[in-house]
């Protein structure tokens, strides 16, 4: 009798615990379904049917982000570095011969060639659209489209990197200085902030002084008070490979988990920062640059004219590049590079 009651009790306990487990599983699945249904209400189109959450990050080890880039003055200035507007990645050619942007003639056809790099060693790009445009010579002036060229970009250190995009451009019939812009976008760019390069060079003859007048425009949406900064920076020769400090695997891993802002604007190694800071490229002894007015208060899209007078030291011969940029505390309007020539 006792054995029979024990067996009945065991059966009842098994049934009861089975029901409890079944109820727990049912409740969990119901909660999951309700959560997914709630999330999917915020997803458009196909994502509403296929995603389990609002964001679907791709974490597969086979997936890598490319980083198409060009010598981007605005990005480098935001890193606190000096720049030249004689862009090393943009070249103008006439009948196969390289010409400075300040020497272009009216109503003449040129070839613009842009050198595009990839900061990624693992992710190439097929079909990168490169947009070419020109601006009136000056700072912050309005851009006018020229056309689009498409290139395939290999990985850093591999075949196809850098890639060269080119386009034909016939200049305006009206004489004048122009500057060239090259820009591109990629849907999943590891750093979308280094994709705009500008060539903005003028050669002026030193007749003691060398004078130039150019427009400055406020391209921002709010009022800006722009001041002018002057330096003589030029891109230095690359260091020998044995002088370049390679990041360790640990450093690379640490960078990969940094917040987005720190990855886009990294802290540069001290030797790199010292080599490219404006403080190391002051005007040589005896030179004087006078800018009038010294400051400009401009409303959005407002433009004003600036006069620059460059006085070289007595007896100067040769060439000297001088960079002028217009900035306020939180905004970079742009800049130009002047090359003073005296034979």
Protein backbone atom coordinates (compact mmCIF):
# COMPACT_ATOMS: atom_id res chain seq x y z
CA UNK A 1 0.00 0.00 0.00
CA UNK A 2 2.75 2.38 0.94
CA UNK A 3 4.64 1.55 -2.25
CA UNK A 4 1.54 2.20 -4.37
CA UNK A 5 0.95 5.59 -2.70
CA UNK A 6 4.62 6.46 -3.19
CA UNK A 7 4.38 5.70 -6.90
CA UNK A 8 1.22 7.82 -7.24
CA UNK A 9 2.96 10.70 -5.42
CA UNK A 10 5.97 10.44 -7.73
CA UNK A 11 3.76 10.56 -10.79
CA UNK A 12 1.87 13.60 -9.53
CA UNK A 13 5.13 15.41 -8.67
CA UNK A 14 6.53 14.70 -12.14
CA UNK A 15 3.37 16.00 -13.80
CA UNK A 16 3.33 19.09 -11.58
CA UNK A 17 6.96 19.98 -12.17
CA UNK A 18 6.52 19.39 -15.89
CA UNK A 19 3.60 21.81 -15.95
CA UNK A 20 5.63 24.39 -14.05
CA UNK A 21 8.55 24.10 -16.48
CA UNK A 22 6.16 24.33 -19.41
CA UNK A 23 4.54 27.47 -18.01
CA UNK A 24 7.95 29.12 -17.44
CA UNK A 25 9.07 28.33 -21.00
CA UNK A 26 5.75 29.60 -22.39
CA UNK A 27 5.97 32.88 -20.46
CA UNK A 28 9.58 33.46 -21.58
CA UNK A 29 8.72 32.86 -25.23
CA UNK A 30 5.67 35.07 -24.97
CA UNK A 31 7.75 37.92 -23.51
CA UNK A 32 10.35 37.50 -26.27
CA UNK A 33 7.66 37.60 -28.96
CA UNK A 34 6.09 40.71 -27.45
CA UNK A 35 9.50 42.44 -27.26
CA UNK A 36 10.32 41.63 -30.90
CA UNK A 37 6.87 42.78 -32.03
CA UNK A 38 7.35 46.05 -30.15
CA UNK A 39 10.81 46.62 -31.65
CA UNK A 40 9.68 45.78 -35.18
CA UNK A 41 7.13 48.55 -35.13
CA UNK A 42 10.07 50.97 -35.43
CA UNK A 43 11.70 49.23 -38.40
CA UNK A 44 10.85 50.11 -42.00
CA UNK A 45 10.28 47.73 -44.88
CA UNK A 46 12.12 44.46 -44.99
CA UNK A 47 13.84 45.06 -41.66
CA UNK A 48 10.41 44.86 -39.99
CA UNK A 49 10.15 41.22 -41.03
CA UNK A 50 13.70 40.06 -40.52
CA UNK A 51 15.28 41.87 -37.57
CA UNK A 52 15.12 40.88 -33.92
CA UNK A 53 15.96 44.34 -32.61
CA UNK A 54 16.03 47.99 -33.68
CA UNK A 55 19.75 47.85 -34.53
CA UNK A 56 21.32 44.91 -36.30
CA UNK A 57 25.11 45.25 -35.96
CA UNK A 58 27.21 43.05 -38.23
CA UNK A 59 29.79 41.31 -36.05
CA UNK A 60 30.92 38.58 -38.41
CA UNK A 61 34.75 38.35 -38.53
CA UNK A 62 34.64 38.47 -42.35
CA UNK A 63 33.16 42.00 -42.29
CA UNK A 64 35.56 44.98 -42.38
CA UNK A 65 35.10 48.70 -42.98
CA UNK A 66 37.12 50.54 -45.64
CA UNK A 67 38.51 54.03 -45.04
CA UNK A 68 38.81 55.99 -48.31
CA UNK A 69 40.71 59.23 -47.68
CA UNK A 70 42.50 62.16 -49.26
CA UNK A 71 44.68 64.99 -47.93
CA UNK A 72 41.80 66.73 -46.11
CA UNK A 73 42.77 70.14 -44.74
CA UNK A 74 39.65 70.57 -42.61
CA UNK A 75 40.11 67.21 -40.89
CA UNK A 76 43.82 67.83 -40.24
CA UNK A 77 43.13 71.29 -38.81
CA UNK A 78 40.56 69.77 -36.46
CA UNK A 79 43.36 67.49 -35.26
CA UNK A 80 45.33 70.62 -34.38
CA UNK A 81 47.83 70.37 -37.26
CA UNK A 82 49.15 72.85 -39.80
CA UNK A 83 48.13 72.35 -43.44
CA UNK A 84 49.02 73.48 -46.92
CA UNK A 85 46.36 74.35 -49.50
CA UNK A 86 48.74 73.25 -52.25
CA UNK A 87 47.20 69.78 -52.00
CA UNK A 88 49.69 66.92 -52.55
CA UNK A 89 46.82 64.63 -53.66
CA UNK A 90 45.32 66.92 -56.34
CA UNK A 91 47.10 67.70 -59.60
CA UNK A 92 46.16 69.67 -62.72
CA UNK A 93 47.63 68.68 -66.09
CA UNK A 94 47.63 70.37 -69.47
CA UNK A 95 48.72 68.22 -72.43
CA UNK A 96 50.29 65.81 -69.95
CA UNK A 97 52.30 68.49 -68.12
CA UNK A 98 51.58 69.37 -64.48
CA UNK A 99 50.60 72.99 -63.91
CA UNK A 100 49.89 74.85 -60.64
CA UNK A 101 46.28 75.82 -60.06
CA UNK A 102 47.31 79.48 -60.04
CA UNK A 103 48.59 79.20 -63.65
CA UNK A 104 45.42 77.92 -65.31
CA UNK A 105 44.21 79.92 -68.31
CA UNK A 106 40.64 80.84 -69.25
CA UNK A 107 38.64 78.70 -71.71
CA UNK A 108 41.26 75.92 -71.63
CA UNK A 109 40.83 72.20 -71.06
CA UNK A 110 42.72 70.58 -68.19
CA UNK A 111 42.82 67.15 -66.62
CA UNK A 112 42.30 67.04 -62.85
CA UNK A 113 43.87 63.98 -61.18
CA UNK A 114 43.05 63.04 -57.57
CA UNK A 115 45.01 60.48 -55.57
CA UNK A 116 42.73 58.47 -53.24
CA UNK A 117 44.08 56.38 -50.36
CA UNK A 118 42.62 53.62 -48.20
CA UNK A 119 43.32 53.58 -44.46
CA UNK A 120 42.10 49.98 -44.18
CA UNK A 121 44.39 46.97 -44.72
CA UNK A 122 41.45 44.56 -45.03
CA UNK A 123 38.54 46.22 -46.89
CA UNK A 124 38.80 47.33 -50.54
CA UNK A 125 36.15 49.37 -52.39
CA UNK A 126 34.60 48.67 -55.78
CA UNK A 127 32.97 51.64 -57.51
CA UNK A 128 33.86 54.69 -55.41
CA UNK A 129 32.30 57.84 -56.91
CA UNK A 130 34.70 60.81 -56.75
CA UNK A 131 33.09 64.24 -57.14
CA UNK A 132 35.06 67.13 -58.66
CA UNK A 133 34.11 70.80 -58.32
CA UNK A 134 35.68 74.25 -58.52
CA UNK A 135 35.37 77.41 -56.45
CA UNK A 136 36.26 81.00 -57.05
CA UNK A 137 39.63 81.67 -55.48
CA UNK A 138 39.25 82.70 -51.85
CA UNK A 139 38.09 81.30 -48.51
CA UNK A 140 34.70 79.62 -48.07
CA UNK A 141 33.49 80.47 -51.58
CA UNK A 142 30.65 78.66 -53.36
CA UNK A 143 31.35 75.31 -55.03
CA UNK A 144 30.34 74.54 -58.65
CA UNK A 145 30.23 70.90 -59.84
CA UNK A 146 32.50 69.66 -62.62
CA UNK A 147 31.62 65.95 -62.76
CA UNK A 148 32.04 62.50 -61.24
CA UNK A 149 34.65 59.82 -61.83
CA UNK A 150 34.51 56.26 -60.48
CA UNK A 151 37.48 54.21 -59.25
CA UNK A 152 38.18 50.89 -57.54
CA UNK A 153 40.31 51.27 -54.40
CA UNK A 154 42.55 48.52 -53.07
CA UNK A 155 43.60 47.96 -49.48
CA UNK A 156 46.40 49.90 -47.80
CA UNK A 157 49.75 48.51 -48.89
CA UNK A 158 48.19 46.45 -51.68
CA UNK A 159 47.61 46.69 -55.42
CA UNK A 160 45.24 49.49 -56.35
CA UNK A 161 46.12 51.77 -53.44
CA UNK A 162 46.36 54.62 -54.04
CA UNK A 163 43.80 54.88 -56.82
CA UNK A 164 43.79 57.79 -59.26
CA UNK A 165 40.53 59.45 -60.29
CA UNK A 166 40.62 61.92 -63.17
CA UNK A 167 38.25 64.16 -65.09
CA UNK A 168 38.43 66.70 -67.93
CA UNK A 169 37.58 70.31 -67.09
CA UNK A 170 37.33 73.34 -69.35
CA UNK A 171 37.86 76.55 -67.42
CA UNK A 172 35.53 79.52 -67.58
CA UNK A 173 36.03 82.10 -70.31
CA UNK A 174 36.42 84.79 -67.63
CA UNK A 175 40.04 85.10 -66.39
CA UNK A 176 40.63 84.55 -62.69
CA UNK A 177 41.98 82.26 -60.00
CA UNK A 178 40.12 79.07 -59.15
CA UNK A 179 40.50 76.35 -56.57
CA UNK A 180 39.59 72.67 -56.96
CA UNK A 181 37.70 70.42 -54.56
CA UNK A 182 37.62 66.61 -54.58
CA UNK A 183 35.09 64.80 -52.39
CA UNK A 184 33.62 61.31 -51.99
CA UNK A 185 31.34 59.32 -49.70
CA UNK A 186 31.11 55.63 -48.85
CA UNK A 187 28.12 54.06 -47.14
CA UNK A 188 30.07 52.34 -44.36
CA UNK A 189 33.23 54.48 -44.16
CA UNK A 190 35.37 53.85 -41.08
CA UNK A 191 36.15 57.61 -41.00
CA UNK A 192 33.82 59.84 -43.07
CA UNK A 193 35.63 63.03 -41.97
CA UNK A 194 38.72 62.77 -44.21
CA UNK A 195 36.97 62.76 -47.59
CA UNK A 196 37.32 66.36 -48.84
CA UNK A 197 40.52 67.70 -50.38
CA UNK A 198 41.06 71.22 -51.70
CA UNK A 199 43.69 72.74 -53.99
CA UNK A 200 43.89 76.49 -53.40
CA UNK A 201 47.22 77.94 -54.53
CA UNK A 202 48.13 81.35 -55.96
CA UNK A 203 51.57 82.51 -57.08
CA UNK A 204 52.24 86.20 -56.49
CA UNK A 205 55.29 88.13 -57.63
CA UNK A 206 57.22 89.96 -54.97
CA UNK A 207 57.40 93.56 -56.17
CA UNK A 208 57.99 94.57 -52.55
CA UNK A 209 55.33 94.09 -51.44
CA UNK A 210 53.43 91.22 -53.05
CA UNK A 211 49.74 92.16 -52.99
CA UNK A 212 46.63 90.04 -53.41
CA UNK A 213 42.90 90.58 -52.90
CA UNK A 214 40.47 87.71 -52.41
CA UNK A 215 36.95 87.07 -51.04
CA UNK A 216 36.16 85.43 -47.69
CA UNK A 217 32.70 83.93 -47.16
CA UNK A 218 30.99 82.57 -44.07
CA UNK A 219 29.65 79.16 -45.17
CA UNK A 220 28.20 78.41 -41.72
CA UNK A 221 24.58 78.88 -40.59
CA UNK A 222 25.32 81.35 -37.82
CA UNK A 223 27.22 84.63 -37.48
CA UNK A 224 30.99 84.13 -37.28
CA UNK A 225 33.85 86.47 -36.38
CA UNK A 226 36.81 85.22 -38.39
CA UNK A 227 40.45 85.90 -37.56
CA UNK A 228 43.42 85.08 -39.80
CA UNK A 229 46.37 82.81 -38.99
CA UNK A 230 49.60 82.75 -41.00
CA UNK A 231 52.31 80.08 -41.25
CA UNK A 232 54.79 78.61 -43.76
CA UNK A 233 53.97 74.91 -43.40
CA UNK A 234 54.79 72.52 -46.24
CA UNK A 235 54.35 68.74 -46.16
CA UNK A 236 57.75 67.42 -44.98
CA UNK A 237 59.53 64.50 -46.56
CA UNK A 238 58.42 61.10 -45.17
CA UNK A 239 60.53 59.70 -42.37
CA UNK A 240 62.59 56.56 -43.04
CA UNK A 241 60.66 53.39 -42.24
CA UNK A 242 62.90 52.55 -39.28
CA UNK A 243 61.93 55.91 -37.68
CA UNK A 244 58.21 55.15 -37.78
CA UNK A 245 56.79 53.66 -34.60
CA UNK A 246 54.35 50.92 -35.47
CA UNK A 247 51.32 50.48 -33.20
CA UNK A 248 51.34 47.28 -31.19
CA UNK A 249 48.59 44.69 -31.43
CA UNK A 250 47.44 45.84 -28.00
CA UNK A 251 47.21 49.46 -29.20
CA UNK A 252 45.17 48.42 -32.25
CA UNK A 253 42.81 46.39 -30.07
CA UNK A 254 42.38 49.31 -27.67
CA UNK A 255 41.58 51.68 -30.55
CA UNK A 256 38.93 49.30 -31.88
CA UNK A 257 36.87 49.66 -28.70
CA UNK A 258 37.35 53.42 -28.28
CA UNK A 259 34.31 55.71 -28.46
CA UNK A 260 33.52 56.93 -31.98
CA UNK A 261 34.73 60.49 -31.34
CA UNK A 262 38.12 59.26 -30.09
CA UNK A 263 38.52 56.97 -33.10
CA UNK A 264 37.71 59.74 -35.57
CA UNK A 265 39.93 62.29 -33.77
CA UNK A 266 42.72 60.16 -32.29
CA UNK A 267 45.44 61.44 -29.98
CA UNK A 268 48.48 61.68 -32.22
CA UNK A 269 51.91 60.48 -31.09
CA UNK A 270 54.02 63.36 -29.83
CA UNK A 271 56.68 63.09 -32.62
CA UNK A 272 53.94 63.33 -35.27
CA UNK A 273 52.23 66.28 -33.61
CA UNK A 274 55.52 68.16 -33.13
CA UNK A 275 56.47 67.59 -36.76
CA UNK A 276 53.22 69.07 -38.10
CA UNK A 277 52.28 71.80 -35.60
CA UNK A 278 51.97 75.39 -36.77
CA UNK A 279 54.32 76.53 -34.02
CA UNK A 280 57.23 75.04 -35.98
CA UNK A 281 56.46 76.98 -39.16
CA UNK A 282 56.49 80.65 -38.24
CA UNK A 283 57.35 83.38 -40.74
CA UNK A 284 61.11 83.56 -41.40
CA UNK A 285 63.04 86.48 -39.97
CA UNK A 286 62.45 89.67 -41.93
CA UNK A 287 59.10 88.68 -43.45
CA UNK A 288 55.91 90.61 -42.80
CA UNK A 289 52.31 89.74 -43.74
CA UNK A 290 49.64 92.42 -43.39
CA UNK A 291 45.96 91.44 -43.68
CA UNK A 292 43.21 94.04 -43.88
CA UNK A 293 40.83 93.82 -42.14
CA UNK A 294 42.44 91.75 -39.42
CA UNK A 295 39.02 90.33 -38.42
CA UNK A 296 35.75 89.81 -40.25
CA UNK A 297 32.28 89.60 -38.72
CA UNK A 298 30.10 87.79 -41.24
CA UNK A 299 26.49 86.62 -41.23
CA UNK A 300 25.60 83.27 -42.84
CA UNK A 301 26.57 83.24 -46.56
CA UNK A 302 27.88 86.80 -46.29
CA UNK A 303 31.07 87.58 -48.22
CA UNK A 304 33.70 90.30 -47.85
CA UNK A 305 36.97 91.21 -49.53
CA UNK A 306 40.35 90.89 -47.83
CA UNK A 307 43.59 92.58 -48.88
CA UNK A 308 46.89 90.83 -48.21
CA UNK A 309 50.29 92.51 -48.47
CA UNK A 310 53.41 90.35 -48.12
CA UNK A 311 56.69 92.15 -47.56
CA UNK A 312 59.78 89.94 -47.99
CA UNK A 313 63.16 90.91 -46.56
CA UNK A 314 65.42 93.09 -48.67
CA UNK A 315 67.27 91.15 -51.32
CA UNK A 316 64.98 88.09 -51.22
CA UNK A 317 65.15 85.79 -54.24
CA UNK A 318 63.53 82.42 -54.76
CA UNK A 319 60.14 81.16 -53.60
CA UNK A 320 58.39 81.13 -50.24
CA UNK A 321 55.00 79.56 -49.51
CA UNK A 322 52.70 81.23 -47.00
CA UNK A 323 49.45 79.74 -45.73
CA UNK A 324 46.56 81.91 -44.56
CA UNK A 325 43.48 80.44 -42.89
CA UNK A 326 40.35 82.01 -41.46
CA UNK A 327 38.95 80.60 -38.21
CA UNK A 328 37.07 81.43 -35.07
CA UNK A 329 37.11 79.45 -31.84
CA UNK A 330 34.86 76.63 -33.09
CA UNK A 331 34.73 77.04 -36.87
CA UNK A 332 37.17 76.71 -39.79
CA UNK A 333 36.15 78.77 -42.82
CA UNK A 334 39.04 77.59 -44.97
CA UNK A 335 42.34 78.88 -46.27
CA UNK A 336 44.69 79.58 -49.17
CA UNK A 337 48.36 79.07 -49.92
CA UNK A 338 50.31 81.89 -51.53
CA UNK A 339 53.67 81.32 -53.17
CA UNK A 340 55.80 84.45 -53.24
CA UNK A 341 58.20 84.41 -56.18
CA UNK A 342 61.19 86.68 -56.74
CA UNK A 343 63.92 86.06 -59.33
